[in-house]
Amino acid sequence: MMVKVLRAAVLLAGSIAMTGASAGTEADYQALRAWCVQRLQNQNNAAWQAANNPQKYFHFHHFCFGMQWENKVVGSASQKERERYVGSIVNETSYIISHAARSHFLMPEVYFLRGWAQYYGKQHIEAESALLNALQLDPRHARAAAQLATLYRATDRRAKAAEVVRTALKLSPNDFRLRKMGEEFGVELPPLVRPPAPKPAAPAEPSQAEPADAAPATTEATVTQEAATAARSAAQVDQDAGTAEGASQGCRFCPPAEIQKRWRESFGEPQKP
C-alpha cells in the first residue's frame, strides 16, 4: 500500500506544473468555506435551508462537515484525540472524492483540506499525495503549496520544499506565506505584482446655464433621486452578500452573485431568472 502511495506521489510531482483545466480561484474556495460557515450555523433553520438548499452543491456539503473539525485538530489535547478529528475530515473528503468528478473546480480545496488534516495527523505520505493532487488540479493553490513545503521541511526534505516554493511563487508572487518561506529557504523572490492603478475620472464639463463654481441647488426631486440611488445601492449590497433571494434569507456569507452563477453552471443547475 505504501509503495503505491509513494509511486502515485512521484507521478503527481512530475505533473505539478500542469494547469488544472477546471481549477477554481481563491475566491471560489473562500466562498465555499464562507458558505459552509453559514450552512453549519443554520443547520436547523428551515427557512435558510429552503433558500440555500445544500443539495444545490451536491456532495460538497460534506466539505462543510469536514471543515468544522479544523479547529479541533489544531487544538486537540492529545494525539489520539487529534487522530479522531483527522479521521472525520478524511472520511468526509473521501466521500466527495468518490462521488464528485475529479475535474470539478472545487476539488483542489477538498484535497487541500484532506492533506492539511493528514499532515497534522502525522500521516505524512498520505498528506503528500493529497497536497500533490491539489496542486496538480490547481497549481495556483498557494495554501496547498505552502502546506506541502511545510511537510517537506518537517520531514528533512528542504531542497524539495524550496523547489515547491520556487515553483509556486512564479504563479502566486504576492502570497505572503510563500514569500516568507522563500526567504527562509533562500529562494529568489519575484517582484510583487501590483494591481493597475484606476483611471482618473474625466473632469465634468461645466454647464453653460450654471457657473462652474456655483453650488448645485438642493430640491425635493434631488433628495428623492438620491434616496432612490441609495436604496438601489443597498439592494445591490444585499444581493452581492447573499443569495439570489437576498440577505433577507439570512445568507450573509453566501457566495456573491457572480460566483453563484459559476457554481450553478458547474453543478448543472438551471439558471435563475
Protein backbone atom coordinates (compact mmCIF):
# COMPACT_ATOMS: atom_id res chain seq x y z
CA MET A 1 0.00 0.00 0.00
CA MET A 2 2.78 2.40 0.98
CA VAL A 3 4.62 1.66 -2.27
CA LYS A 4 1.52 2.51 -4.29
CA VAL A 5 1.05 5.80 -2.46
CA LEU A 6 4.71 6.72 -2.96
CA ARG A 7 4.53 5.85 -6.66
CA ALA A 8 1.42 7.99 -7.04
CA ALA A 9 3.15 10.87 -5.25
CA VAL A 10 6.12 10.68 -7.62
CA LEU A 11 3.88 10.68 -10.67
CA LEU A 12 1.92 13.63 -9.35
CA ALA A 13 5.10 15.55 -8.55
CA GLY A 14 6.16 15.23 -12.16
CA SER A 15 2.95 16.87 -13.32
CA ILE A 16 2.66 19.54 -10.63
CA ALA A 17 3.18 22.34 -13.13
CA MET A 18 0.17 21.29 -15.19
CA THR A 19 -2.67 23.76 -15.09
CA GLY A 20 -5.95 22.30 -13.89
CA ALA A 21 -8.45 22.61 -16.71
CA SER A 22 -11.30 23.29 -14.32
CA ALA A 23 -9.44 24.74 -11.36
CA GLY A 24 -11.25 27.25 -9.24
CA THR A 25 -9.94 30.51 -7.89
CA GLU A 26 -9.10 31.56 -4.35
CA ALA A 27 -12.38 33.48 -4.36
CA ASP A 28 -14.24 30.24 -5.17
CA TYR A 29 -12.51 28.35 -2.37
CA GLN A 30 -13.11 31.07 0.20
CA ALA A 31 -16.74 31.36 -0.93
CA LEU A 32 -17.16 27.63 -0.35
CA ARG A 33 -15.73 27.99 3.15
CA ALA A 34 -17.91 31.02 3.92
CA TRP A 35 -21.00 29.15 2.69
CA CYS A 36 -20.03 26.25 4.95
CA VAL A 37 -19.87 28.52 7.99
CA GLN A 38 -23.36 29.79 7.23
CA ARG A 39 -24.68 26.33 6.44
CA LEU A 40 -23.46 24.88 9.74
CA GLN A 41 -24.88 27.80 11.70
CA ASN A 42 -28.27 27.28 10.03
CA GLN A 43 -28.37 23.50 10.31
CA ASN A 44 -31.84 23.64 11.91
CA ASN A 45 -33.10 26.77 10.16
CA ALA A 46 -35.78 25.56 7.73
CA ALA A 47 -36.11 28.97 6.03
CA TRP A 48 -32.38 29.15 5.33
CA GLN A 49 -32.29 25.57 4.11
CA ALA A 50 -35.18 26.26 1.75
CA ALA A 51 -33.39 29.25 0.25
CA ASN A 52 -29.89 27.74 0.27
CA ASN A 53 -30.51 24.04 -0.08
CA PRO A 54 -27.16 22.28 0.29
CA GLN A 55 -28.24 19.80 -2.36
CA LYS A 56 -27.65 22.60 -4.86
CA TYR A 57 -23.96 21.88 -4.32
CA PHE A 58 -24.41 18.12 -4.36
CA HIS A 59 -21.74 16.30 -2.38
CA PHE A 60 -19.82 19.40 -1.32
CA HIS A 61 -21.80 19.84 1.89
CA HIS A 62 -19.54 17.03 3.14
CA PHE A 63 -16.72 19.56 2.85
CA CYS A 64 -18.58 21.61 5.46
CA PHE A 65 -18.90 18.59 7.74
CA GLY A 66 -15.15 18.07 7.50
CA MET A 67 -14.23 21.74 7.81
CA GLN A 68 -15.98 22.04 11.18
CA TRP A 69 -13.27 19.85 12.74
CA GLU A 70 -10.32 22.03 11.69
CA ASN A 71 -10.05 23.91 14.98
CA LYS A 72 -10.43 20.65 16.90
CA VAL A 73 -7.48 19.19 15.02
CA VAL A 74 -5.23 22.11 15.91
CA GLY A 75 -6.45 22.42 19.50
CA SER A 76 -6.54 18.74 20.42
CA ALA A 77 -5.01 17.92 23.79
CA SER A 78 -3.71 14.52 22.73
CA GLN A 79 -2.55 12.78 19.58
CA LYS A 80 -5.31 10.18 19.96
CA GLU A 81 -7.96 12.90 20.05
CA ARG A 82 -6.36 14.65 17.10
CA GLU A 83 -6.36 11.44 15.08
CA ARG A 84 -10.09 11.07 15.70
CA TYR A 85 -10.84 14.51 14.26
CA VAL A 86 -8.42 13.95 11.39
CA GLY A 87 -10.25 10.71 10.63
CA SER A 88 -13.55 12.61 10.44
CA ILE A 89 -12.09 15.05 7.90
CA VAL A 90 -10.57 12.23 5.86
CA ASN A 91 -13.88 10.34 5.82
CA GLU A 92 -15.84 13.40 4.66
CA THR A 93 -13.34 14.27 1.92
CA SER A 94 -13.22 10.63 0.83
CA TYR A 95 -16.96 10.78 0.21
CA ILE A 96 -16.61 13.82 -2.04
CA ILE A 97 -13.64 12.38 -3.92
CA SER A 98 -15.52 9.14 -4.59
CA HIS A 99 -18.81 10.82 -5.60
CA ALA A 100 -17.85 14.02 -7.43
CA ALA A 101 -15.91 14.42 -10.65
CA ARG A 102 -12.17 14.89 -10.20
CA SER A 103 -12.35 17.71 -12.73
CA HIS A 104 -14.77 19.71 -10.58
CA PHE A 105 -13.33 23.16 -10.00
CA LEU A 106 -13.78 23.00 -6.20
CA MET A 107 -11.94 19.67 -5.88
CA PRO A 108 -8.49 21.26 -5.24
CA GLU A 109 -9.83 22.73 -1.99
CA VAL A 110 -11.12 19.28 -0.97
CA TYR A 111 -7.68 17.76 -1.48
CA PHE A 112 -6.09 20.65 0.39
CA LEU A 113 -8.32 20.15 3.43
CA ARG A 114 -7.60 16.43 3.34
CA GLY A 115 -3.82 16.90 3.06
CA TRP A 116 -3.79 19.58 5.74
CA ALA A 117 -5.59 17.26 8.17
CA GLN A 118 -3.39 14.29 7.34
CA TYR A 119 -0.28 16.37 7.96
CA TYR A 120 -1.48 17.22 11.46
CA GLY A 121 -2.37 13.58 11.96
CA LYS A 122 1.26 12.68 11.11
CA GLN A 123 0.08 10.74 8.05
CA HIS A 124 2.85 12.30 6.00
CA ILE A 125 2.79 10.00 2.98
CA GLU A 126 -0.97 10.36 2.58
CA ALA A 127 -0.78 14.11 3.16
CA GLU A 128 1.87 14.48 0.47
CA SER A 129 -0.31 12.60 -2.00
CA ALA A 130 -3.37 14.75 -1.22
CA LEU A 131 -1.47 18.04 -1.47
CA LEU A 132 0.15 16.99 -4.74
CA ASN A 133 -3.33 16.19 -6.05
CA ALA A 134 -4.49 19.68 -5.06
CA LEU A 135 -1.56 21.28 -6.88
CA GLN A 136 -1.94 19.09 -9.94
CA LEU A 137 -5.54 20.24 -10.25
CA ASP A 138 -4.74 23.86 -9.38
CA PRO A 139 -1.05 24.88 -9.47
CA ARG A 140 -2.08 28.32 -8.19
CA HIS A 141 -3.39 26.93 -4.91
CA ALA A 142 -0.89 28.83 -2.75
CA ARG A 143 -2.10 27.37 0.55
CA ALA A 144 -1.58 23.84 -0.75
CA ALA A 145 1.93 24.73 -1.93
CA ALA A 146 2.81 26.28 1.43
CA GLN A 147 1.47 23.24 3.28
CA LEU A 148 3.41 20.85 1.04
CA ALA A 149 6.60 22.85 1.61
CA THR A 150 5.91 22.72 5.36
CA LEU A 151 5.58 18.95 5.13
CA TYR A 152 8.87 18.63 3.23
CA ARG A 153 10.62 20.85 5.78
CA ALA A 154 9.24 18.78 8.65
CA THR A 155 10.47 15.56 7.03
CA ASP A 156 14.00 16.86 6.32
CA ARG A 157 13.50 17.45 2.61
CA ARG A 158 14.42 21.13 2.47
CA ALA A 159 15.56 21.00 -1.16
CA LYS A 160 12.13 19.76 -2.23
CA ALA A 161 10.47 22.36 -0.02
CA ALA A 162 12.48 25.11 -1.68
CA GLU A 163 11.57 23.82 -5.14
CA VAL A 164 7.86 23.77 -4.29
CA VAL A 165 8.07 27.36 -3.03
CA ARG A 166 10.08 28.49 -6.05
CA THR A 167 7.54 26.99 -8.46
CA ALA A 168 4.54 28.33 -6.56
CA LEU A 169 5.97 31.86 -6.34
CA LYS A 170 6.09 32.05 -10.13
CA LEU A 171 2.31 31.64 -10.17
CA SER A 172 1.45 33.43 -6.90
CA PRO A 173 4.18 36.03 -6.39
CA ASN A 174 2.13 38.08 -3.92
CA ASP A 175 1.30 35.30 -1.47
CA PHE A 176 2.74 36.30 1.91
CA ARG A 177 3.14 32.69 3.10
CA LEU A 178 5.18 31.70 0.08
CA ARG A 179 7.31 34.84 0.24
CA LYS A 180 8.11 34.23 3.90
CA MET A 181 9.06 30.63 3.16
CA GLY A 182 11.06 31.77 0.15
CA GLU A 183 13.17 33.96 2.42
CA GLU A 184 13.65 31.02 4.79
CA PHE A 185 14.83 28.70 2.00
CA GLY A 186 16.93 31.30 0.19
CA VAL A 187 14.66 31.35 -2.86
CA GLU A 188 14.93 34.44 -5.03
CA LEU A 189 11.66 36.32 -4.60
CA PRO A 190 9.92 37.54 -7.75
CA PRO A 191 8.79 41.17 -7.80
CA LEU A 192 5.38 41.88 -6.38
CA VAL A 193 2.63 42.22 -8.96
CA ARG A 194 0.77 45.42 -8.22
CA PRO A 195 -2.79 45.92 -9.45
CA PRO A 196 -3.19 48.51 -12.21
CA ALA A 197 -3.96 51.98 -10.94
CA PRO A 198 -7.56 53.07 -11.59
CA LYS A 199 -8.01 55.50 -14.41
CA PRO A 200 -8.76 59.03 -13.22
CA ALA A 201 -12.28 60.17 -13.94
CA ALA A 202 -12.62 62.76 -16.67
CA PRO A 203 -13.48 66.21 -15.28
CA ALA A 204 -17.11 67.15 -15.75
CA GLU A 205 -17.88 69.86 -18.24
CA PRO A 206 -19.34 72.96 -16.55
CA SER A 207 -22.91 73.67 -17.54
CA GLN A 208 -23.49 76.75 -19.67
CA ALA A 209 -26.62 77.53 -17.68
CA GLU A 210 -24.79 77.47 -14.36
CA PRO A 211 -21.37 78.88 -13.37
CA ALA A 212 -18.71 76.23 -12.71
CA ASP A 213 -18.23 77.36 -9.10
CA ALA A 214 -21.90 77.51 -8.24
CA ALA A 215 -23.22 75.04 -5.67
CA PRO A 216 -25.95 72.75 -7.01
CA ALA A 217 -29.41 73.58 -5.79
CA THR A 218 -30.98 71.06 -3.39
CA THR A 219 -34.51 70.34 -4.42
CA GLU A 220 -37.10 67.80 -3.38
CA ALA A 221 -36.52 65.97 -6.65
CA THR A 222 -32.79 65.79 -5.90
CA VAL A 223 -33.39 64.36 -2.44
CA THR A 224 -35.82 61.80 -3.85
CA GLN A 225 -33.35 60.75 -6.54
CA GLU A 226 -30.51 60.41 -4.02
CA ALA A 227 -32.71 58.27 -1.74
CA ALA A 228 -33.63 56.01 -4.65
CA THR A 229 -29.96 55.66 -5.61
CA ALA A 230 -29.04 54.77 -2.02
CA ALA A 231 -31.83 52.18 -1.89
CA ARG A 232 -30.62 50.60 -5.13
CA SER A 233 -27.06 50.51 -3.77
CA ALA A 234 -28.22 48.85 -0.55
CA ALA A 235 -30.21 46.30 -2.51
CA GLN A 236 -27.14 45.53 -4.62
CA VAL A 237 -25.04 45.02 -1.49
CA ASP A 238 -27.64 42.60 -0.16
CA GLN A 239 -27.67 40.71 -3.42
CA ASP A 240 -23.88 40.53 -3.58
CA ALA A 241 -23.59 39.40 0.03
CA GLY A 242 -26.36 36.84 -0.12
CA THR A 243 -28.11 34.51 -2.46
CA ALA A 244 -30.46 35.40 -5.28
CA GLU A 245 -33.13 35.67 -2.61
CA GLY A 246 -31.04 38.42 -0.96
CA ALA A 247 -29.83 38.93 2.57
CA SER A 248 -33.41 38.72 3.86
CA GLN A 249 -32.96 34.94 3.81
CA GLY A 250 -30.07 35.32 6.30
CA CYS A 251 -27.32 34.07 3.99
CA ARG A 252 -24.94 36.87 4.78
CA PHE A 253 -21.82 34.94 3.79
CA CYS A 254 -23.14 33.06 0.79
CA PRO A 255 -21.14 33.39 -2.43
CA PRO A 256 -21.55 36.66 -4.35
CA ALA A 257 -23.87 36.58 -7.36
CA GLU A 258 -21.14 36.06 -9.98
CA ILE A 259 -19.64 33.12 -8.05
CA GLN A 260 -23.09 31.58 -7.51
CA LYS A 261 -23.68 31.76 -11.25
CA ARG A 262 -20.41 29.91 -11.91
CA TRP A 263 -21.24 27.35 -9.23
CA ARG A 264 -24.71 26.69 -10.67
CA GLU A 265 -23.28 26.25 -14.16
CA SER A 266 -20.67 23.81 -12.89
CA PHE A 267 -23.19 21.79 -10.88
CA GLY A 268 -25.60 21.73 -13.81
CA GLU A 269 -28.30 23.74 -12.10
CA PRO A 270 -30.82 25.71 -14.14
CA GLN A 271 -30.13 29.42 -14.18
CA LYS A 272 -32.40 31.57 -12.04
CA PRO A 273 -34.38 34.29 -13.81
